[in-house]
């Protein structure tokens, strides 16, 4: 078995629950974008599990706006997400 490098499809094992958290709070992606100062496009990429990276400052701002912890926003899956 070949050892897995940290960047080898690692993002497919991470699921972003942004859409779920927004729905729970009755908040739109547009409103979150205005609150945290991150573009709607970048938040959409994150929401749709297409992000390859996220700045800690962005992560902190999103968590502050949604009143959640990092572990509420990002979860780890044992199986890679299926492409849509």
C-alpha atoms as a PDB file:
ATOM      1  CA  UNK A   1       0.000   0.000   0.000  1.00  0.00           C
ATOM      2  CA  UNK A   2       1.400   3.374  -1.036  1.00  0.00           C
ATOM      3  CA  UNK A   3       1.532   5.977   1.734  1.00  0.00           C
ATOM      4  CA  UNK A   4      -0.863   8.837   1.233  1.00  0.00           C
ATOM      5  CA  UNK A   5       0.606  12.319   0.923  1.00  0.00           C
ATOM      6  CA  UNK A   6      -1.140  15.098   2.797  1.00  0.00           C
ATOM      7  CA  UNK A   7      -2.229  16.828  -0.410  1.00  0.00           C
ATOM      8  CA  UNK A   8      -3.312  13.714  -2.383  1.00  0.00           C
ATOM      9  CA  UNK A   9      -7.060  14.230  -2.725  1.00  0.00           C
ATOM     10  CA  UNK A  10      -7.221  15.184   0.956  1.00  0.00           C
ATOM     11  CA  UNK A  11      -9.874  17.790   0.201  1.00  0.00           C
ATOM     12  CA  UNK A  12     -12.216  15.024  -0.993  1.00  0.00           C
ATOM     13  CA  UNK A  13     -12.186  13.617   2.534  1.00  0.00           C
ATOM     14  CA  UNK A  14     -13.249  16.929   4.063  1.00  0.00           C
ATOM     15  CA  UNK A  15     -16.904  17.916   3.908  1.00  0.00           C
ATOM     16  CA  UNK A  16     -17.974  21.499   4.462  1.00  0.00           C
ATOM     17  CA  UNK A  17     -21.357  21.796   6.173  1.00  0.00           C
ATOM     18  CA  UNK A  18     -21.757  25.461   5.211  1.00  0.00           C
ATOM     19  CA  UNK A  19     -25.063  24.935   3.380  1.00  0.00           C
ATOM     20  CA  UNK A  20     -26.518  22.999   6.287  1.00  0.00           C
ATOM     21  CA  UNK A  21     -25.428  25.595   8.846  1.00  0.00           C
ATOM     22  CA  UNK A  22     -26.809  28.445   6.736  1.00  0.00           C
ATOM     23  CA  UNK A  23     -30.154  26.650   6.407  1.00  0.00           C
ATOM     24  CA  UNK A  24     -30.308  25.992  10.157  1.00  0.00           C
ATOM     25  CA  UNK A  25     -29.769  29.693  10.807  1.00  0.00           C
ATOM     26  CA  UNK A  26     -32.037  30.981   8.026  1.00  0.00           C
ATOM     27  CA  UNK A  27     -29.088  32.853   6.534  1.00  0.00           C
ATOM     28  CA  UNK A  28     -28.239  33.261   2.864  1.00  0.00           C
ATOM     29  CA  UNK A  29     -24.811  32.882   1.322  1.00  0.00           C
ATOM     30  CA  UNK A  30     -25.091  36.522   0.210  1.00  0.00           C
ATOM     31  CA  UNK A  31     -25.666  37.697   3.779  1.00  0.00           C
ATOM     32  CA  UNK A  32     -22.731  35.620   5.043  1.00  0.00           C
ATOM     33  CA  UNK A  33     -20.548  37.053   2.280  1.00  0.00           C
ATOM     34  CA  UNK A  34     -21.392  40.583   3.390  1.00  0.00           C
ATOM     35  CA  UNK A  35     -20.754  39.728   7.053  1.00  0.00           C
ATOM     36  CA  UNK A  36     -17.363  38.057   6.614  1.00  0.00           C
ATOM     37  CA  UNK A  37     -16.001  40.028   3.639  1.00  0.00           C
ATOM     38  CA  UNK A  38     -15.449  36.953   1.472  1.00  0.00           C
ATOM     39  CA  UNK A  39     -16.717  36.872  -2.090  1.00  0.00           C
ATOM     40  CA  UNK A  40     -19.900  35.014  -2.899  1.00  0.00           C
ATOM     41  CA  UNK A  41     -17.960  32.935  -5.434  1.00  0.00           C
ATOM     42  CA  UNK A  42     -15.378  31.821  -2.855  1.00  0.00           C
ATOM     43  CA  UNK A  43     -18.070  30.922  -0.315  1.00  0.00           C
ATOM     44  CA  UNK A  44     -19.925  28.985  -2.995  1.00  0.00           C
ATOM     45  CA  UNK A  45     -16.768  27.003  -3.788  1.00  0.00           C
ATOM     46  CA  UNK A  46     -16.432  26.187  -0.100  1.00  0.00           C
ATOM     47  CA  UNK A  47     -20.123  25.311   0.272  1.00  0.00           C
ATOM     48  CA  UNK A  48     -19.982  22.927  -2.681  1.00  0.00           C
ATOM     49  CA  UNK A  49     -16.908  21.051  -1.360  1.00  0.00           C
ATOM     50  CA  UNK A  50     -14.715  22.312  -4.177  1.00  0.00           C
ATOM     51  CA  UNK A  51     -12.240  24.291  -2.056  1.00  0.00           C
ATOM     52  CA  UNK A  52      -8.648  23.075  -1.907  1.00  0.00           C
ATOM     53  CA  UNK A  53      -7.696  25.364   0.986  1.00  0.00           C
ATOM     54  CA  UNK A  54      -9.085  27.966   3.377  1.00  0.00           C
ATOM     55  CA  UNK A  55      -7.294  30.696   5.301  1.00  0.00           C
ATOM     56  CA  UNK A  56      -7.536  30.458   9.059  1.00  0.00           C
ATOM     57  CA  UNK A  57      -8.771  34.069   9.144  1.00  0.00           C
ATOM     58  CA  UNK A  58     -11.606  33.172   6.751  1.00  0.00           C
ATOM     59  CA  UNK A  59     -12.450  30.069   8.743  1.00  0.00           C
ATOM     60  CA  UNK A  60     -12.535  32.096  11.968  1.00  0.00           C
ATOM     61  CA  UNK A  61     -14.726  34.794  10.393  1.00  0.00           C
ATOM     62  CA  UNK A  62     -17.226  32.222   9.084  1.00  0.00           C
ATOM     63  CA  UNK A  63     -17.363  30.466  12.457  1.00  0.00           C
ATOM     64  CA  UNK A  64     -17.882  33.799  14.225  1.00  0.00           C
ATOM     65  CA  UNK A  65     -20.702  34.784  11.868  1.00  0.00           C
ATOM     66  CA  UNK A  66     -22.401  31.380  12.170  1.00  0.00           C
ATOM     67  CA  UNK A  67     -21.672  31.098  15.905  1.00  0.00           C
ATOM     68  CA  UNK A  68     -20.161  27.656  15.461  1.00  0.00           C
ATOM     69  CA  UNK A  69     -16.907  25.806  15.967  1.00  0.00           C
ATOM     70  CA  UNK A  70     -14.585  24.655  13.191  1.00  0.00           C
ATOM     71  CA  UNK A  71     -15.690  21.061  13.819  1.00  0.00           C
ATOM     72  CA  UNK A  72     -19.298  22.086  13.188  1.00  0.00           C
ATOM     73  CA  UNK A  73     -18.331  23.530   9.809  1.00  0.00           C
ATOM     74  CA  UNK A  74     -15.777  20.996   8.574  1.00  0.00           C
ATOM     75  CA  UNK A  75     -16.082  17.246   9.003  1.00  0.00           C
ATOM     76  CA  UNK A  76     -13.884  14.368   7.874  1.00  0.00           C
ATOM     77  CA  UNK A  77     -15.224  11.468   5.849  1.00  0.00           C
ATOM     78  CA  UNK A  78     -13.610   8.064   5.388  1.00  0.00           C
ATOM     79  CA  UNK A  79     -14.765   7.933   1.766  1.00  0.00           C
ATOM     80  CA  UNK A  80     -13.961  10.581  -0.863  1.00  0.00           C
ATOM     81  CA  UNK A  81     -16.938  12.633  -1.977  1.00  0.00           C
ATOM     82  CA  UNK A  82     -18.402  11.562  -5.291  1.00  0.00           C
ATOM     83  CA  UNK A  83     -18.043  14.104  -8.085  1.00  0.00           C
ATOM     84  CA  UNK A  84     -21.371  15.613  -9.154  1.00  0.00           C
END
